[in-house]
């Protein structure tokens, strides 16, 4: 995310193109979830904030799943 923001500051992308470039760099699952959301993001800020939140949630869920599987196997 930080690299993308740095590149944005140094570029002259227009709003729509900037969003397309951001989507292109996203993890496919995150991109699909955001595009298919009931209310998809519409601004670059929305895309960035929601992508970060979704990524964080997915990582936390993955870590919790590992703990749950480990707990189930050891019982």
N, C-alpha and C. Protein backbone atom coordinates (compact mmCIF):
# COMPACT_ATOMS: atom_id res chain seq x y z
N UNK A 1 0.83 -1.18 0.00
CA UNK A 1 0.00 0.00 0.00
C UNK A 1 0.87 1.25 0.00
N UNK A 2 1.92 1.25 0.81
CA UNK A 2 2.79 2.42 0.89
C UNK A 2 3.48 2.68 -0.45
N UNK A 3 3.91 1.62 -1.12
CA UNK A 3 4.55 1.79 -2.43
C UNK A 3 3.58 2.39 -3.43
N UNK A 4 2.33 1.92 -3.39
CA UNK A 4 1.32 2.45 -4.31
C UNK A 4 1.09 3.94 -4.04
N UNK A 5 0.96 4.31 -2.78
CA UNK A 5 0.73 5.71 -2.44
C UNK A 5 1.91 6.59 -2.89
N UNK A 6 3.12 6.07 -2.75
CA UNK A 6 4.30 6.81 -3.20
C UNK A 6 4.26 6.99 -4.72
N UNK A 7 3.91 5.94 -5.43
CA UNK A 7 3.83 6.02 -6.89
C UNK A 7 2.75 7.00 -7.33
N UNK A 8 1.64 7.04 -6.60
CA UNK A 8 0.55 7.96 -6.93
C UNK A 8 1.02 9.40 -6.83
N UNK A 9 1.73 9.71 -5.76
CA UNK A 9 2.21 11.08 -5.57
C UNK A 9 3.12 11.52 -6.72
N UNK A 10 3.85 10.57 -7.28
CA UNK A 10 4.81 10.89 -8.33
C UNK A 10 4.21 10.79 -9.73
N UNK A 11 2.96 10.35 -9.84
CA UNK A 11 2.35 10.14 -11.15
C UNK A 11 1.37 11.25 -11.49
N UNK A 12 0.83 11.15 -12.69
CA UNK A 12 -0.20 12.10 -13.13
C UNK A 12 -1.44 11.34 -13.57
N UNK A 13 -1.72 10.22 -12.91
CA UNK A 13 -2.89 9.43 -13.25
C UNK A 13 -4.17 10.21 -12.98
N UNK A 14 -5.15 9.96 -13.81
CA UNK A 14 -6.48 10.50 -13.55
C UNK A 14 -7.19 9.56 -12.60
N UNK A 15 -8.26 10.02 -12.00
CA UNK A 15 -8.97 9.26 -10.96
C UNK A 15 -9.34 7.85 -11.41
N UNK A 16 -10.01 7.69 -12.52
CA UNK A 16 -10.48 6.38 -12.98
C UNK A 16 -9.30 5.44 -13.27
N UNK A 17 -8.31 5.95 -13.96
CA UNK A 17 -7.13 5.13 -14.28
C UNK A 17 -6.41 4.71 -13.02
N UNK A 18 -6.36 5.59 -12.05
CA UNK A 18 -5.70 5.31 -10.79
C UNK A 18 -6.40 4.15 -10.07
N UNK A 19 -7.71 4.17 -10.04
CA UNK A 19 -8.48 3.08 -9.42
C UNK A 19 -8.23 1.78 -10.16
N UNK A 20 -8.21 1.83 -11.48
CA UNK A 20 -7.95 0.62 -12.27
C UNK A 20 -6.56 0.06 -11.97
N UNK A 21 -5.58 0.93 -11.86
CA UNK A 21 -4.21 0.46 -11.54
C UNK A 21 -4.18 -0.13 -10.14
N UNK A 22 -4.88 0.47 -9.21
CA UNK A 22 -4.92 -0.06 -7.85
C UNK A 22 -5.56 -1.45 -7.84
N UNK A 23 -6.68 -1.60 -8.52
CA UNK A 23 -7.36 -2.90 -8.58
C UNK A 23 -6.46 -3.96 -9.22
N UNK A 24 -5.71 -3.56 -10.22
CA UNK A 24 -4.82 -4.50 -10.91
C UNK A 24 -3.77 -5.09 -9.96
N UNK A 25 -3.34 -4.30 -8.98
CA UNK A 25 -2.31 -4.75 -8.05
C UNK A 25 -2.84 -5.51 -6.84
N UNK A 26 -4.16 -5.58 -6.70
CA UNK A 26 -4.74 -6.26 -5.54
C UNK A 26 -4.71 -7.77 -5.67
N UNK A 27 -4.69 -8.43 -4.54
CA UNK A 27 -4.90 -9.87 -4.48
C UNK A 27 -6.24 -10.14 -5.14
N UNK A 28 -6.31 -11.19 -5.97
CA UNK A 28 -7.53 -11.49 -6.72
C UNK A 28 -8.76 -11.68 -5.86
N UNK A 29 -8.61 -12.34 -4.72
CA UNK A 29 -9.76 -12.58 -3.85
C UNK A 29 -10.27 -11.26 -3.26
N UNK A 30 -9.36 -10.41 -2.85
CA UNK A 30 -9.76 -9.11 -2.29
C UNK A 30 -10.45 -8.28 -3.36
N UNK A 31 -9.88 -8.26 -4.57
CA UNK A 31 -10.48 -7.50 -5.67
C UNK A 31 -11.90 -7.97 -5.95
N UNK A 32 -12.09 -9.29 -6.04
CA UNK A 32 -13.43 -9.84 -6.32
C UNK A 32 -14.42 -9.48 -5.22
N UNK A 33 -14.00 -9.61 -3.97
CA UNK A 33 -14.91 -9.30 -2.87
C UNK A 33 -15.33 -7.84 -2.88
N UNK A 34 -14.42 -6.95 -3.20
CA UNK A 34 -14.76 -5.53 -3.24
C UNK A 34 -15.64 -5.19 -4.44
N UNK A 35 -15.32 -5.75 -5.59
CA UNK A 35 -16.11 -5.49 -6.79
C UNK A 35 -17.52 -6.05 -6.64
N UNK A 36 -17.64 -7.21 -6.01
CA UNK A 36 -18.94 -7.86 -5.87
C UNK A 36 -19.70 -7.42 -4.62
N UNK A 37 -19.14 -6.51 -3.85
CA UNK A 37 -19.80 -6.03 -2.63
C UNK A 37 -21.12 -5.36 -2.98
N UNK A 38 -22.05 -5.37 -2.03
CA UNK A 38 -23.34 -4.73 -2.24
C UNK A 38 -23.15 -3.25 -2.59
N UNK A 39 -22.17 -2.64 -1.96
CA UNK A 39 -21.85 -1.23 -2.22
C UNK A 39 -20.36 -1.14 -2.51
N UNK A 40 -19.94 -1.35 -3.77
CA UNK A 40 -18.51 -1.34 -4.09
C UNK A 40 -17.89 0.04 -3.85
N UNK A 41 -16.59 0.09 -3.57
CA UNK A 41 -15.92 1.38 -3.38
C UNK A 41 -16.01 2.21 -4.66
N UNK A 42 -16.03 3.52 -4.50
CA UNK A 42 -16.14 4.38 -5.68
C UNK A 42 -14.98 5.36 -5.82
N UNK A 43 -14.27 5.61 -4.74
CA UNK A 43 -13.12 6.52 -4.82
C UNK A 43 -11.85 5.74 -4.51
N UNK A 44 -10.72 6.31 -4.86
CA UNK A 44 -9.45 5.64 -4.59
C UNK A 44 -9.25 5.48 -3.09
N UNK A 45 -9.68 6.46 -2.31
CA UNK A 45 -9.56 6.36 -0.85
C UNK A 45 -10.40 5.21 -0.33
N UNK A 46 -11.63 5.08 -0.84
CA UNK A 46 -12.51 3.97 -0.45
C UNK A 46 -11.86 2.63 -0.79
N UNK A 47 -11.31 2.53 -2.00
CA UNK A 47 -10.65 1.30 -2.42
C UNK A 47 -9.52 0.95 -1.48
N UNK A 48 -8.69 1.92 -1.16
CA UNK A 48 -7.54 1.67 -0.31
C UNK A 48 -7.97 1.26 1.10
N UNK A 49 -8.88 2.01 1.69
CA UNK A 49 -9.31 1.71 3.06
C UNK A 49 -9.98 0.35 3.15
N UNK A 50 -10.87 0.06 2.22
CA UNK A 50 -11.59 -1.20 2.29
C UNK A 50 -10.70 -2.39 1.96
N UNK A 51 -9.73 -2.20 1.06
CA UNK A 51 -8.80 -3.28 0.74
C UNK A 51 -7.93 -3.61 1.95
N UNK A 52 -7.46 -2.59 2.65
CA UNK A 52 -6.63 -2.81 3.85
C UNK A 52 -7.45 -3.54 4.92
N UNK A 53 -8.69 -3.09 5.15
CA UNK A 53 -9.53 -3.73 6.16
C UNK A 53 -9.81 -5.19 5.80
N UNK A 54 -10.15 -5.43 4.54
CA UNK A 54 -10.45 -6.78 4.11
C UNK A 54 -9.21 -7.67 4.22
N UNK A 55 -8.06 -7.16 3.82
CA UNK A 55 -6.82 -7.92 3.93
C UNK A 55 -6.53 -8.27 5.39
N UNK A 56 -6.68 -7.29 6.28
CA UNK A 56 -6.45 -7.52 7.71
C UNK A 56 -7.41 -8.58 8.24
N UNK A 57 -8.68 -8.46 7.89
CA UNK A 57 -9.68 -9.44 8.35
C UNK A 57 -9.36 -10.84 7.84
N UNK A 58 -8.96 -10.94 6.57
CA UNK A 58 -8.65 -12.25 6.00
C UNK A 58 -7.44 -12.87 6.71
N UNK A 59 -6.43 -12.07 6.99
CA UNK A 59 -5.23 -12.57 7.68
C UNK A 59 -5.56 -13.01 9.11
N UNK A 60 -6.37 -12.21 9.81
CA UNK A 60 -6.75 -12.57 11.17
C UNK A 60 -7.59 -13.86 11.16
N UNK A 61 -8.50 -13.97 10.22
CA UNK A 61 -9.32 -15.16 10.13
C UNK A 61 -8.47 -16.40 9.83
N UNK A 62 -7.50 -16.25 8.95
CA UNK A 62 -6.62 -17.37 8.61
C UNK A 62 -5.84 -17.82 9.85
N UNK A 63 -5.35 -16.86 10.65
CA UNK A 63 -4.61 -17.19 11.86
C UNK A 63 -5.52 -17.90 12.87
N UNK A 64 -6.76 -17.42 13.00
CA UNK A 64 -7.71 -18.05 13.93
C UNK A 64 -8.05 -19.46 13.47
N UNK A 65 -8.20 -19.65 12.17
CA UNK A 65 -8.49 -20.98 11.63
C UNK A 65 -7.36 -21.96 11.96
N UNK A 66 -6.13 -21.50 11.85
CA UNK A 66 -4.99 -22.36 12.18
C UNK A 66 -5.03 -22.77 13.64
N UNK A 67 -5.39 -21.83 14.52
CA UNK A 67 -5.50 -22.14 15.94
C UNK A 67 -6.62 -23.14 16.19
N UNK A 68 -7.75 -22.94 15.54
CA UNK A 68 -8.88 -23.84 15.72
C UNK A 68 -8.57 -25.26 15.23
N UNK A 69 -7.92 -25.36 14.10
CA UNK A 69 -7.56 -26.67 13.57
C UNK A 69 -6.57 -27.34 14.50
N UNK A 70 -5.59 -26.60 15.00
CA UNK A 70 -4.61 -27.14 15.94
C UNK A 70 -5.26 -27.61 17.22
N UNK A 71 -6.23 -26.87 17.70
CA UNK A 71 -6.95 -27.24 18.93
C UNK A 71 -7.76 -28.50 18.70
N UNK A 72 -8.41 -28.60 17.57
CA UNK A 72 -9.25 -29.76 17.26
C UNK A 72 -8.40 -31.02 17.16
N UNK A 73 -7.24 -30.91 16.51
CA UNK A 73 -6.38 -32.07 16.31
C UNK A 73 -5.76 -32.57 17.62
N UNK A 74 -5.50 -31.67 18.55
CA UNK A 74 -4.81 -32.07 19.78
C UNK A 74 -5.75 -32.63 20.84
N UNK A 75 -7.07 -32.53 20.63
CA UNK A 75 -8.01 -33.03 21.64
C UNK A 75 -8.23 -34.51 21.52
